[in-house]
N, C-alpha and C. Protein backbone atom coordinates (compact mmCIF):
# COMPACT_ATOMS: atom_id res chain seq x y z
N MET A 1 0.98 -1.20 -0.43
CA MET A 1 0.05 0.04 -0.02
C MET A 1 0.90 1.38 -0.06
N LEU A 2 0.66 2.33 -0.94
CA LEU A 2 1.39 3.43 -0.88
C LEU A 2 0.76 4.45 0.42
N ALA A 3 1.82 4.91 0.99
CA ALA A 3 1.50 6.18 1.81
C ALA A 3 1.12 7.18 0.94
N SER A 4 0.54 8.59 1.43
CA SER A 4 0.05 9.39 0.71
C SER A 4 1.36 10.29 0.43
N GLY A 5 2.10 10.21 0.86
CA GLY A 5 3.39 11.02 0.54
C GLY A 5 4.43 10.34 -0.67
N GLN A 6 3.92 8.80 -0.69
CA GLN A 6 4.66 8.32 -1.72
C GLN A 6 3.97 8.30 -3.13
N PHE A 7 2.74 8.59 -3.28
CA PHE A 7 1.83 8.40 -4.39
C PHE A 7 2.46 8.77 -5.59
N PHE A 8 2.84 10.11 -5.53
CA PHE A 8 3.42 10.85 -6.63
C PHE A 8 5.01 10.17 -6.96
N HIS A 9 5.46 9.35 -6.21
CA HIS A 9 7.00 9.01 -6.45
C HIS A 9 6.82 7.57 -6.82
N HIS A 10 5.60 6.73 -6.76
CA HIS A 10 5.66 5.48 -7.26
C HIS A 10 6.58 5.48 -8.71
N PRO A 11 6.96 4.19 -9.17
CA PRO A 11 7.75 4.05 -10.12
C PRO A 11 6.77 4.04 -11.41
N ALA A 12 5.80 3.70 -11.02
CA ALA A 12 4.29 3.62 -12.45
C ALA A 12 4.46 4.93 -12.83
N THR A 13 4.22 5.92 -11.84
CA THR A 13 3.93 7.32 -12.27
C THR A 13 5.30 8.08 -12.86
N VAL A 14 6.42 7.81 -12.47
CA VAL A 14 7.64 8.12 -13.19
C VAL A 14 7.66 7.60 -14.63
N ALA A 15 7.37 6.21 -14.79
CA ALA A 15 7.42 5.41 -15.92
C ALA A 15 6.37 6.24 -16.90
N SER A 16 5.38 6.70 -16.65
CA SER A 16 4.14 6.88 -17.31
C SER A 16 4.54 8.51 -17.85
N SER A 17 5.10 9.44 -16.91
CA SER A 17 5.77 10.64 -17.43
C SER A 17 6.66 10.76 -18.47
N LEU A 18 7.48 9.73 -18.36
CA LEU A 18 8.39 9.29 -19.22
C LEU A 18 7.87 8.51 -20.75
N TRP A 19 6.85 8.06 -20.73
CA TRP A 19 5.85 7.41 -21.85
C TRP A 19 6.11 6.05 -21.93
N LEU A 20 6.34 5.74 -20.75
CA LEU A 20 7.20 4.31 -20.89
C LEU A 20 6.05 3.21 -20.17
N TYR A 21 5.14 3.77 -19.61
CA TYR A 21 4.17 2.99 -19.05
C TYR A 21 2.75 3.58 -19.23
N PRO A 22 1.33 2.95 -19.78
CA PRO A 22 0.17 3.77 -20.02
C PRO A 22 -0.61 3.80 -18.78
N LEU A 23 -0.25 4.70 -18.17
CA LEU A 23 -0.94 4.63 -16.85
C LEU A 23 -2.24 5.12 -16.86
N GLY A 24 -3.39 4.51 -17.14
CA GLY A 24 -4.91 4.70 -17.41
C GLY A 24 -5.41 3.72 -17.75
N GLY A 25 -6.89 3.85 -17.18
CA GLY A 25 -7.83 2.78 -17.28
C GLY A 25 -7.44 1.46 -16.31
N ARG A 26 -7.49 0.53 -16.80
CA ARG A 26 -7.41 -0.90 -15.92
C ARG A 26 -5.89 -0.94 -15.75
N PHE A 27 -4.92 -0.03 -16.27
CA PHE A 27 -3.55 -0.30 -15.65
C PHE A 27 -3.08 0.55 -14.27
N SER A 28 -4.45 1.25 -14.01
CA SER A 28 -4.15 2.31 -12.73
C SER A 28 -4.96 1.86 -11.63
N LEU A 29 -5.46 0.43 -12.08
CA LEU A 29 -6.38 0.33 -10.81
C LEU A 29 -5.71 -0.16 -9.52
N PHE A 30 -4.36 -0.62 -9.71
CA PHE A 30 -3.60 -0.70 -8.51
C PHE A 30 -3.58 0.58 -7.38
N MET A 31 -3.90 1.80 -8.09
CA MET A 31 -3.65 2.92 -7.25
C MET A 31 -4.94 3.34 -6.52
N VAL A 32 -6.16 2.61 -6.77
CA VAL A 32 -7.17 3.11 -6.13
C VAL A 32 -7.23 2.77 -4.79
N PRO A 33 -6.74 2.03 -4.24
CA PRO A 33 -6.71 2.26 -2.30
C PRO A 33 -5.87 3.33 -2.11
N SER A 34 -4.86 3.62 -2.88
CA SER A 34 -4.16 4.66 -2.28
C SER A 34 -5.21 5.87 -2.52
N LEU A 35 -5.70 6.09 -3.47
CA LEU A 35 -6.50 7.28 -3.88
C LEU A 35 -7.62 7.41 -3.00
N ILE A 36 -8.09 6.07 -2.60
CA ILE A 36 -9.29 6.44 -1.25
C ILE A 36 -8.93 6.69 0.21
N ILE A 37 -7.27 6.04 0.25
CA ILE A 37 -6.75 7.18 1.55
C ILE A 37 -6.62 8.44 1.47
N LEU A 38 -6.08 8.81 0.25
CA LEU A 38 -5.85 10.38 0.03
C LEU A 38 -7.51 10.82 0.27
N ILE A 39 -8.47 10.61 -0.31
CA ILE A 39 -9.66 11.25 -0.31
C ILE A 39 -10.17 11.04 1.13
N SER A 40 -10.07 10.09 1.87
CA SER A 40 -10.60 9.89 3.43
C SER A 40 -9.53 10.89 4.19
N GLN A 41 -8.32 11.11 3.86
CA GLN A 41 -7.67 12.21 4.85
C GLN A 41 -7.73 13.38 4.40
N ALA A 42 -8.12 13.71 3.45
CA ALA A 42 -8.88 14.98 3.00
C ALA A 42 -9.96 15.27 3.64
N VAL A 43 -10.92 14.36 3.44
CA VAL A 43 -12.10 14.83 3.99
C VAL A 43 -11.97 15.02 5.67
N ASP A 44 -11.13 14.28 6.13
CA ASP A 44 -10.74 14.13 7.70
C ASP A 44 -10.27 15.39 8.07
N ALA A 45 -9.14 16.07 7.18
CA ALA A 45 -8.78 17.24 7.39
C ALA A 45 -9.75 18.41 7.49
N LEU A 46 -10.53 18.31 6.65
CA LEU A 46 -11.46 19.22 5.94
C LEU A 46 -12.31 19.42 7.56
N GLU A 47 -12.78 18.20 7.76
CA GLU A 47 -13.78 18.00 8.91
C GLU A 47 -13.22 18.80 10.38
N HIS A 48 -11.95 18.41 10.85
CA HIS A 48 -11.11 19.12 11.58
C HIS A 48 -11.06 20.75 11.58
N ARG A 49 -10.88 21.14 10.24
CA ARG A 49 -10.56 22.70 10.10
C ARG A 49 -11.94 23.26 10.31
N LEU A 50 -13.13 22.52 9.78
CA LEU A 50 -14.43 23.41 9.55
C LEU A 50 -14.95 23.48 11.05
N HIS A 51 -14.64 22.27 11.80
CA HIS A 51 -15.12 21.97 13.02
C HIS A 51 -14.70 22.63 14.21
N ALA A 52 -13.40 23.16 13.82
CA ALA A 52 -12.76 23.97 14.91
C ALA A 52 -13.15 25.53 14.68
N GLN A 53 -13.81 26.00 13.52
CA GLN A 53 -14.46 27.33 13.51
C GLN A 53 -15.85 27.43 13.58
N TYR A 54 -16.39 26.05 12.79
CA TYR A 54 -17.89 26.36 12.73
C TYR A 54 -18.73 25.17 13.42
N ARG A 55 -19.96 25.55 14.05
CA ARG A 55 -20.48 24.78 14.71
C ARG A 55 -20.95 23.37 13.75
N TRP A 56 -21.34 23.57 12.35
CA TRP A 56 -21.96 23.08 11.45
C TRP A 56 -20.74 22.55 10.51
N GLY A 57 -19.33 22.44 10.90
CA GLY A 57 -18.40 22.08 9.91
C GLY A 57 -18.32 20.17 9.89
N SER A 58 -18.68 19.78 10.93
CA SER A 58 -18.63 18.13 10.92
C SER A 58 -20.03 17.93 9.88
N LEU A 59 -20.89 18.47 9.58
CA LEU A 59 -21.97 18.20 8.76
C LEU A 59 -21.58 18.40 7.42
N VAL A 60 -20.84 19.35 6.93
CA VAL A 60 -20.32 19.85 5.81
C VAL A 60 -19.26 18.56 5.22
N ALA A 61 -18.36 18.42 6.37
CA ALA A 61 -17.50 17.40 5.79
C ALA A 61 -18.09 15.99 5.63
N LEU A 62 -19.14 15.55 6.52
CA LEU A 62 -19.93 14.37 6.50
C LEU A 62 -20.70 14.49 4.60
N LEU A 63 -21.35 15.38 4.32
CA LEU A 63 -21.66 15.73 2.99
C LEU A 63 -21.10 15.59 1.88
N VAL A 64 -19.97 16.42 2.14
CA VAL A 64 -18.67 16.11 1.00
C VAL A 64 -18.32 14.59 0.93
N GLY A 65 -17.89 13.98 2.08
CA GLY A 65 -17.78 12.60 2.14
C GLY A 65 -18.73 11.61 1.17
N ALA A 66 -20.30 11.85 1.72
CA ALA A 66 -21.11 11.25 1.09
C ALA A 66 -21.43 11.54 -0.36
N TYR A 67 -21.10 12.78 -0.87
CA TYR A 67 -21.19 13.02 -2.34
C TYR A 67 -19.94 12.13 -3.07
N LEU A 68 -18.76 12.04 -2.45
CA LEU A 68 -17.70 11.66 -3.24
C LEU A 68 -18.09 9.93 -3.24
N VAL A 69 -18.80 9.19 -2.26
CA VAL A 69 -18.90 7.86 -2.43
C VAL A 69 -20.35 7.87 -3.20
N PHE A 70 -21.31 8.56 -3.18
CA PHE A 70 -22.49 8.35 -3.84
C PHE A 70 -22.32 8.50 -5.53
N ALA A 71 -21.58 9.64 -5.61
CA ALA A 71 -21.48 9.87 -7.22
C ALA A 71 -20.93 8.77 -7.91
N PRO A 72 -19.83 7.79 -7.46
CA PRO A 72 -19.22 7.02 -8.27
C PRO A 72 -20.07 5.78 -8.01
N MET A 73 -20.88 5.48 -6.92
CA MET A 73 -21.73 4.46 -6.57
C MET A 73 -22.90 4.39 -7.90
N ILE A 74 -23.53 5.72 -8.10
CA ILE A 74 -24.40 5.58 -9.04
C ILE A 74 -24.05 5.13 -10.26
N GLU A 75 -22.99 5.93 -10.53
CA GLU A 75 -22.38 5.60 -12.31
C GLU A 75 -22.26 4.09 -12.03
N SER A 76 -21.65 3.50 -11.21
CA SER A 76 -21.32 1.91 -11.30
C SER A 76 -22.45 1.54 -11.46
N LEU A 77 -23.48 1.65 -10.48
CA LEU A 77 -24.80 1.00 -10.85
C LEU A 77 -25.43 0.96 -12.38
N SER A 78 -25.06 2.11 -12.80
CA SER A 78 -25.81 2.37 -14.21
C SER A 78 -25.19 1.48 -15.16
N TYR A 79 -23.52 1.35 -14.95
CA TYR A 79 -22.99 0.72 -15.87
C TYR A 79 -23.13 -0.92 -15.63
N TYR A 80 -23.52 -1.29 -14.14
CA TYR A 80 -23.97 -2.72 -14.08
C TYR A 80 -25.37 -2.96 -14.71
N ARG A 81 -26.45 -1.90 -14.87
CA ARG A 81 -27.68 -2.55 -15.45
C ARG A 81 -27.66 -2.44 -16.97
N ASP A 82 -26.45 -1.37 -17.21
CA ASP A 82 -26.46 -1.31 -18.83
C ASP A 82 -25.08 -1.25 -19.24
N PRO A 83 -24.23 -2.48 -19.37
CA PRO A 83 -22.85 -2.64 -19.34
C PRO A 83 -22.51 -2.04 -20.76
N LYS A 84 -21.41 -1.26 -21.06
CA LYS A 84 -21.14 -0.52 -22.35
C LYS A 84 -19.65 -1.19 -22.72
N TYR A 85 -19.93 -1.80 -23.75
CA TYR A 85 -18.64 -2.46 -24.26
C TYR A 85 -18.09 -1.92 -25.34
N TYR A 86 -17.38 -1.03 -25.12
CA TYR A 86 -17.01 -0.11 -26.13
C TYR A 86 -15.77 -0.69 -26.78
N GLU A 87 -15.08 -1.48 -26.53
CA GLU A 87 -13.77 -2.28 -27.24
C GLU A 87 -14.19 -3.57 -27.09
N HIS A 88 -15.41 -4.28 -27.05
CA HIS A 88 -16.08 -5.46 -26.63
C HIS A 88 -15.60 -6.29 -28.32
N ILE A 89 -14.45 -7.01 -28.23
CA ILE A 89 -14.03 -7.52 -29.73
C ILE A 89 -14.52 -8.92 -29.85
N ARG A 90 -15.06 -9.66 -28.98
CA ARG A 90 -15.36 -11.00 -29.08
C ARG A 90 -16.51 -11.37 -30.45
N PRO A 91 -17.65 -10.14 -30.38
CA PRO A 91 -18.50 -10.63 -31.80
C PRO A 91 -17.86 -10.35 -32.77
N THR A 92 -16.65 -9.32 -32.84
CA THR A 92 -16.01 -9.08 -34.18
C THR A 92 -15.12 -10.21 -34.35
N MET A 93 -14.60 -11.00 -33.30
CA MET A 93 -13.65 -12.22 -33.49
C MET A 93 -14.55 -13.38 -34.12
N ASP A 94 -15.88 -13.45 -33.57
CA ASP A 94 -16.69 -14.49 -34.20
C ASP A 94 -17.05 -14.38 -35.68
N MET A 95 -17.09 -13.02 -36.00
CA MET A 95 -17.71 -12.75 -37.37
C MET A 95 -16.48 -13.17 -38.36
N LEU A 96 -15.46 -12.81 -37.51
CA LEU A 96 -14.09 -12.87 -38.59
C LEU A 96 -13.69 -14.60 -38.79
N SER A 97 -13.75 -15.26 -37.68
CA SER A 97 -13.94 -16.63 -37.67
C SER A 97 -14.66 -17.45 -38.77
N GLU A 98 -15.94 -17.16 -38.58
CA GLU A 98 -17.14 -17.61 -39.42
C GLU A 98 -16.90 -17.20 -40.78
N ASN A 99 -16.20 -15.99 -41.31
CA ASN A 99 -16.14 -15.78 -42.88
C ASN A 99 -14.48 -16.05 -43.27
N TRP A 100 -13.61 -16.41 -42.36
CA TRP A 100 -12.19 -16.45 -42.62
C TRP A 100 -12.28 -17.68 -43.88
N GLN A 101 -11.40 -17.34 -44.97
CA GLN A 101 -11.35 -18.26 -46.09
C GLN A 101 -9.84 -18.54 -46.34
N ALA A 102 -9.38 -19.87 -46.65
CA ALA A 102 -8.06 -20.12 -47.01
C ALA A 102 -7.34 -18.90 -48.07
N GLY A 103 -6.38 -18.58 -47.76
CA GLY A 103 -5.86 -17.55 -48.77
C GLY A 103 -5.94 -16.05 -48.13
N ASP A 104 -6.99 -15.71 -47.21
CA ASP A 104 -7.20 -14.34 -46.80
C ASP A 104 -5.99 -14.03 -45.98
N ASP A 105 -6.16 -12.61 -45.86
CA ASP A 105 -4.97 -11.70 -45.38
C ASP A 105 -5.81 -10.84 -44.18
N LEU A 106 -4.71 -10.92 -43.28
CA LEU A 106 -5.54 -9.90 -42.20
C LEU A 106 -4.41 -8.74 -41.76
N PHE A 107 -4.76 -7.26 -41.62
CA PHE A 107 -4.17 -6.21 -41.07
C PHE A 107 -4.88 -6.05 -39.62
N ILE A 108 -3.81 -5.83 -38.48
CA ILE A 108 -4.53 -5.59 -37.57
C ILE A 108 -4.10 -4.39 -37.09
N SER A 109 -4.93 -3.22 -36.40
CA SER A 109 -4.07 -2.10 -35.67
C SER A 109 -3.41 -2.21 -34.52
N TYR A 110 -2.67 -1.71 -34.20
CA TYR A 110 -1.76 -1.61 -32.81
C TYR A 110 -2.90 -1.96 -31.52
N GLY A 111 -3.70 -1.04 -31.65
CA GLY A 111 -5.08 -1.07 -30.57
C GLY A 111 -5.50 -2.39 -30.19
N ALA A 112 -5.74 -3.10 -31.25
CA ALA A 112 -6.41 -4.35 -31.12
C ALA A 112 -5.72 -5.50 -31.14
N VAL A 113 -4.20 -5.46 -31.18
CA VAL A 113 -3.55 -6.83 -31.26
C VAL A 113 -3.46 -7.48 -29.95
N PRO A 114 -3.41 -6.94 -28.77
CA PRO A 114 -3.40 -7.80 -27.25
C PRO A 114 -4.76 -8.41 -27.42
N ALA A 115 -5.84 -7.89 -27.68
CA ALA A 115 -7.25 -8.65 -27.36
C ALA A 115 -7.23 -9.57 -28.62
N PHE A 116 -6.83 -9.37 -30.05
CA PHE A 116 -6.77 -10.52 -31.02
C PHE A 116 -5.88 -11.69 -30.46
N ARG A 117 -4.77 -11.27 -29.87
CA ARG A 117 -3.99 -12.56 -29.43
C ARG A 117 -4.37 -13.34 -28.17
N PHE A 118 -5.38 -12.66 -27.36
CA PHE A 118 -5.89 -13.29 -26.37
C PHE A 118 -7.06 -14.23 -26.52
N TYR A 119 -7.64 -13.82 -27.87
CA TYR A 119 -8.76 -14.68 -28.22
C TYR A 119 -8.53 -15.35 -29.40
N ALA A 120 -7.29 -15.46 -30.05
CA ALA A 120 -7.44 -15.93 -31.49
C ALA A 120 -7.39 -17.44 -31.36
N MET A 121 -6.78 -18.16 -30.53
CA MET A 121 -7.10 -19.67 -30.11
C MET A 121 -8.38 -20.01 -30.25
N ARG A 122 -9.20 -19.24 -29.26
CA ARG A 122 -10.42 -19.78 -29.04
C ARG A 122 -11.65 -19.62 -30.18
N TYR A 123 -11.36 -18.91 -31.00
CA TYR A 123 -11.84 -18.62 -32.27
C TYR A 123 -11.23 -19.19 -33.66
N GLY A 124 -10.33 -20.21 -33.17
CA GLY A 124 -9.88 -20.92 -34.59
C GLY A 124 -8.78 -19.99 -35.34
N LEU A 125 -8.09 -18.71 -34.84
CA LEU A 125 -7.75 -18.43 -35.51
C LEU A 125 -5.96 -17.79 -35.04
N GLY A 126 -5.63 -18.98 -34.33
CA GLY A 126 -4.21 -19.05 -33.69
C GLY A 126 -3.14 -18.91 -34.48
N LYS A 127 -3.19 -19.71 -35.49
CA LYS A 127 -2.61 -20.10 -36.49
C LYS A 127 -2.18 -19.30 -37.67
N ILE A 128 -3.08 -18.09 -37.75
CA ILE A 128 -3.00 -17.35 -39.27
C ILE A 128 -1.81 -16.48 -38.89
N THR A 129 -1.41 -16.27 -40.12
CA THR A 129 -0.58 -14.88 -40.21
C THR A 129 -0.93 -13.62 -40.43
N TYR A 130 -0.39 -12.52 -39.77
CA TYR A 130 -1.10 -11.01 -40.03
C TYR A 130 -0.13 -10.12 -40.00
N GLN A 131 -0.30 -8.94 -40.47
CA GLN A 131 0.41 -7.69 -40.32
C GLN A 131 -0.18 -6.80 -39.09
N ALA A 132 0.76 -6.17 -38.50
CA ALA A 132 0.29 -5.56 -37.45
C ALA A 132 0.92 -4.28 -37.34
N SER A 133 0.57 -3.13 -36.82
CA SER A 133 1.03 -1.76 -36.90
C SER A 133 1.69 -1.82 -35.43
N ASP A 134 2.68 -0.80 -35.13
CA ASP A 134 3.40 -0.50 -34.05
C ASP A 134 2.94 0.84 -33.24
N ARG A 135 2.97 0.76 -32.12
CA ARG A 135 2.69 2.05 -31.27
C ARG A 135 3.45 3.27 -32.04
N SER A 136 4.73 2.99 -32.23
CA SER A 136 5.67 3.97 -32.70
C SER A 136 4.94 4.49 -34.11
N ASP A 137 4.28 3.96 -34.53
CA ASP A 137 3.89 4.23 -36.04
C ASP A 137 2.95 5.60 -36.01
N TYR A 138 2.40 5.67 -34.69
CA TYR A 138 1.47 6.94 -34.85
C TYR A 138 2.39 8.28 -34.71
N LEU A 139 3.53 8.15 -34.40
CA LEU A 139 4.16 9.38 -34.72
C LEU A 139 4.69 9.57 -36.20
N GLU A 140 4.64 8.46 -37.16
CA GLU A 140 4.75 8.58 -38.36
C GLU A 140 3.63 7.59 -39.04
N PRO A 141 2.44 8.02 -39.43
CA PRO A 141 1.51 7.27 -39.57
C PRO A 141 1.67 6.73 -41.02
N THR A 142 2.58 7.37 -42.23
CA THR A 142 2.76 6.70 -43.22
C THR A 142 3.35 5.27 -43.18
N LYS A 143 3.71 5.07 -42.02
CA LYS A 143 4.30 3.65 -41.90
C LYS A 143 3.20 2.47 -41.54
N MET A 144 2.09 2.90 -41.28
CA MET A 144 1.05 2.23 -41.29
C MET A 144 0.52 1.75 -42.76
N LEU A 145 0.55 2.67 -43.49
CA LEU A 145 0.31 2.39 -45.01
C LEU A 145 1.34 1.30 -45.67
N SER A 146 2.53 1.37 -45.20
CA SER A 146 3.45 0.38 -45.65
C SER A 146 2.98 -0.93 -45.54
N TYR A 147 2.43 -1.32 -44.44
CA TYR A 147 2.02 -2.73 -44.16
C TYR A 147 0.88 -3.28 -45.21
N LEU A 148 -0.03 -2.01 -45.36
CA LEU A 148 -1.22 -2.50 -46.21
C LEU A 148 -0.57 -2.48 -47.91
N ASN A 149 0.53 -1.91 -47.98
CA ASN A 149 1.13 -1.90 -49.23
C ASN A 149 1.44 -3.23 -49.49
N THR A 150 1.92 -4.12 -48.71
CA THR A 150 2.64 -5.17 -48.73
C THR A 150 1.56 -6.56 -49.02
N LEU A 151 0.00 -5.81 -49.02
CA LEU A 151 -0.82 -6.77 -49.07
C LEU A 151 -1.73 -6.24 -50.74
N ASP A 152 -1.11 -5.59 -51.55
CA ASP A 152 -1.51 -4.98 -52.60
C ASP A 152 -1.71 -6.17 -53.54
N GLY A 153 -2.60 -6.22 -54.20
CA GLY A 153 -2.90 -7.34 -55.08
C GLY A 153 -3.57 -8.48 -54.64
N GLU A 154 -4.12 -8.67 -53.32
CA GLU A 154 -4.62 -9.55 -52.61
C GLU A 154 -6.16 -9.28 -52.75
N SER A 155 -6.92 -10.12 -52.92
CA SER A 155 -8.42 -10.04 -53.38
C SER A 155 -9.09 -10.02 -51.85
N ARG A 156 -8.59 -10.74 -50.79
CA ARG A 156 -9.47 -10.56 -49.46
C ARG A 156 -8.39 -10.45 -48.27
N VAL A 157 -8.79 -9.21 -48.04
CA VAL A 157 -7.77 -8.60 -47.10
C VAL A 157 -8.80 -7.81 -45.79
N TRP A 158 -8.81 -8.74 -44.90
CA TRP A 158 -9.43 -8.10 -43.47
C TRP A 158 -8.64 -6.83 -42.71
N ILE A 159 -9.66 -6.17 -42.34
CA ILE A 159 -8.63 -5.00 -41.54
C ILE A 159 -9.50 -4.90 -40.07
N LEU A 160 -8.62 -5.25 -39.12
CA LEU A 160 -9.35 -4.89 -37.61
C LEU A 160 -8.98 -3.71 -36.92
N VAL A 161 -9.63 -3.14 -36.60
CA VAL A 161 -9.32 -1.91 -35.86
C VAL A 161 -10.10 -1.64 -34.56
N SER A 162 -9.23 -1.47 -33.56
CA SER A 162 -10.00 -1.34 -32.21
C SER A 162 -9.01 -0.22 -31.12
N HIS A 163 -9.62 0.24 -30.27
CA HIS A 163 -8.86 1.38 -29.62
C HIS A 163 -8.46 2.39 -30.28
N VAL A 164 -9.08 3.35 -31.47
CA VAL A 164 -8.91 3.89 -32.41
C VAL A 164 -7.99 5.22 -31.75
N TYR A 165 -6.79 5.35 -32.43
CA TYR A 165 -5.83 6.41 -32.07
C TYR A 165 -6.51 7.79 -32.56
N GLU A 166 -6.83 8.58 -31.63
CA GLU A 166 -7.20 9.96 -32.09
C GLU A 166 -6.20 10.92 -31.63
N ARG A 167 -5.68 11.64 -32.50
CA ARG A 167 -5.03 13.07 -31.93
C ARG A 167 -5.20 14.20 -32.88
N GLY A 168 -5.73 15.54 -32.22
CA GLY A 168 -6.08 16.73 -33.21
C GLY A 168 -6.93 15.99 -34.33
N ASP A 169 -6.71 16.57 -35.40
CA ASP A 169 -7.43 16.02 -36.61
C ASP A 169 -7.07 14.79 -37.23
N PHE A 170 -6.19 13.85 -36.26
CA PHE A 170 -5.78 12.51 -36.88
C PHE A 170 -6.84 11.50 -36.37
N ASN A 171 -7.58 10.65 -37.09
CA ASN A 171 -8.22 9.65 -36.67
C ASN A 171 -7.69 8.13 -37.30
N GLU A 172 -7.35 7.22 -36.79
CA GLU A 172 -6.36 6.03 -37.06
C GLU A 172 -7.46 5.46 -38.17
N LYS A 173 -8.64 5.22 -37.82
CA LYS A 173 -9.68 4.42 -38.42
C LYS A 173 -9.72 5.14 -39.76
N ASP A 174 -10.20 6.40 -39.52
CA ASP A 174 -10.44 7.23 -40.94
C ASP A 174 -9.25 7.03 -41.83
N TYR A 175 -8.09 7.32 -41.43
CA TYR A 175 -6.61 7.26 -41.95
C TYR A 175 -6.59 6.10 -42.91
N LEU A 176 -6.69 5.32 -42.14
CA LEU A 176 -6.36 3.72 -42.79
C LEU A 176 -7.63 3.64 -43.97
N GLN A 177 -8.79 3.95 -43.58
CA GLN A 177 -10.25 3.59 -44.40
C GLN A 177 -9.77 4.29 -45.90
N ASN A 178 -9.48 5.53 -45.52
CA ASN A 178 -9.58 6.81 -46.69
C ASN A 178 -8.47 6.06 -47.58
N TYR A 179 -7.43 5.66 -46.91
CA TYR A 179 -6.36 5.22 -47.95
C TYR A 179 -6.68 3.75 -48.61
N LEU A 180 -7.22 2.75 -47.93
CA LEU A 180 -7.85 1.61 -48.45
C LEU A 180 -8.76 1.68 -49.67
N ASP A 181 -9.59 3.01 -49.58
CA ASP A 181 -10.64 3.38 -50.47
C ASP A 181 -9.98 3.96 -51.78
N THR A 182 -8.84 4.35 -51.88
CA THR A 182 -8.05 4.57 -52.87
C THR A 182 -7.22 3.31 -53.71
N ILE A 183 -6.66 2.27 -52.84
CA ILE A 183 -6.31 1.21 -53.45
C ILE A 183 -6.89 0.27 -53.75
N GLY A 184 -8.29 0.13 -53.18
CA GLY A 184 -8.94 -1.21 -53.11
C GLY A 184 -10.39 -0.81 -53.09
N LYS A 185 -11.06 -2.16 -52.88
CA LYS A 185 -12.72 -1.63 -53.04
C LYS A 185 -13.21 -2.51 -51.66
N LYS A 186 -13.86 -1.89 -50.70
CA LYS A 186 -14.56 -2.45 -49.59
C LYS A 186 -15.56 -3.15 -50.23
N LYS A 187 -15.63 -4.60 -49.52
CA LYS A 187 -16.35 -5.64 -49.83
C LYS A 187 -17.64 -5.84 -48.67
N ARG A 188 -16.91 -5.70 -47.34
CA ARG A 188 -17.91 -5.94 -46.29
C ARG A 188 -17.34 -5.18 -45.06
N GLU A 189 -18.12 -4.66 -44.19
CA GLU A 189 -18.10 -3.89 -43.14
C GLU A 189 -18.93 -4.35 -42.00
N PHE A 190 -18.29 -4.66 -40.85
CA PHE A 190 -18.81 -4.80 -39.46
C PHE A 190 -18.51 -4.20 -38.45
N ARG A 191 -19.61 -3.76 -37.54
CA ARG A 191 -19.46 -3.42 -36.17
C ARG A 191 -20.63 -3.81 -35.50
N SER A 192 -19.85 -4.38 -34.21
CA SER A 192 -21.32 -4.85 -33.56
C SER A 192 -22.05 -3.59 -32.82
N PRO A 193 -22.96 -3.59 -32.53
CA PRO A 193 -23.59 -2.05 -32.06
C PRO A 193 -23.31 -1.95 -30.65
N GLY A 194 -22.66 -0.69 -30.48
CA GLY A 194 -22.29 -0.22 -29.07
C GLY A 194 -21.03 -0.28 -28.61
N THR A 195 -20.43 -0.94 -29.75
CA THR A 195 -18.77 -1.11 -29.66
C THR A 195 -17.97 -0.13 -30.51
N SER A 196 -16.74 0.06 -30.32
CA SER A 196 -15.94 0.74 -31.40
C SER A 196 -14.61 0.05 -32.12
N VAL A 197 -15.09 -1.26 -32.27
CA VAL A 197 -14.21 -2.14 -32.90
C VAL A 197 -14.65 -2.24 -33.99
N TYR A 198 -13.91 -2.26 -35.24
CA TYR A 198 -14.38 -2.14 -36.70
C TYR A 198 -13.44 -3.38 -37.55
N LEU A 199 -14.36 -4.24 -38.30
CA LEU A 199 -13.54 -5.15 -39.21
C LEU A 199 -14.39 -4.79 -40.47
N PHE A 200 -13.19 -4.79 -41.63
CA PHE A 200 -13.45 -4.30 -43.06
C PHE A 200 -12.98 -5.58 -43.86
N LEU A 201 -13.48 -5.89 -45.02
CA LEU A 201 -13.04 -6.96 -45.76
C LEU A 201 -12.83 -6.01 -47.29
N TYR A 202 -11.69 -5.96 -47.67
CA TYR A 202 -11.20 -5.06 -48.85
C TYR A 202 -10.70 -6.11 -50.00
N ASP A 203 -11.12 -5.67 -51.07
CA ASP A 203 -10.33 -6.18 -52.38
C ASP A 203 -9.15 -5.60 -52.74
N LEU A 204 -8.10 -5.81 -52.73
CA LEU A 204 -6.79 -5.14 -53.08
C LEU A 204 -6.18 -5.49 -54.27
N GLY A 205 -7.14 -6.18 -55.04
CA GLY A 205 -6.68 -7.01 -56.40
C GLY A 205 -6.93 -5.99 -57.48
N GLY A 206 -7.05 -4.78 -57.09
CA GLY A 206 -7.28 -3.70 -58.25
C GLY A 206 -8.55 -3.21 -58.50
N LYS A 207 -8.73 -2.01 -58.49
CA LYS A 207 -10.19 -1.39 -58.45
C LYS A 207 -10.64 -1.47 -59.71
């Protein structure tokens, strides 16, 4: 457990500041206990300060603490009743598995690679070869196009995109799709409702 004074000196926060560790989402869950301690200490300090000056200081601190607990609890309940699978890749993997044919090719965006590898064997796709972009390609997006160029001339090329990278006016999915539309013809498109996982089938054998 991290003490409050050690929280911002944890190796993970240092690595994140150096762009060596993606400190966000599920990767930061281990910090939740420390954050709870920090919040409780802040509320306790608020109660002591207000109680020393005002008769109703303890009530204010109690209301602040209740809000900090109540707000995330309501949000959690809403997600429990209506789960949002923004990056839910399993329906897409099922679609790809059912329609995969011998001789097909596959390109996977960097963000989709971990989930694809995790589920590949389950959906009978563990032994197929594929092209995949790298995180460093976001610094020079034209590198992503070089992977697609190696598939030029192929009649069935699947494109799997997830955790779409966006920065400024750049959108990874749009960037790849716009280029694919210039070198080939889109034959199919699949996206499970409520998710941001995209699957395309392109004919790159010549427009």
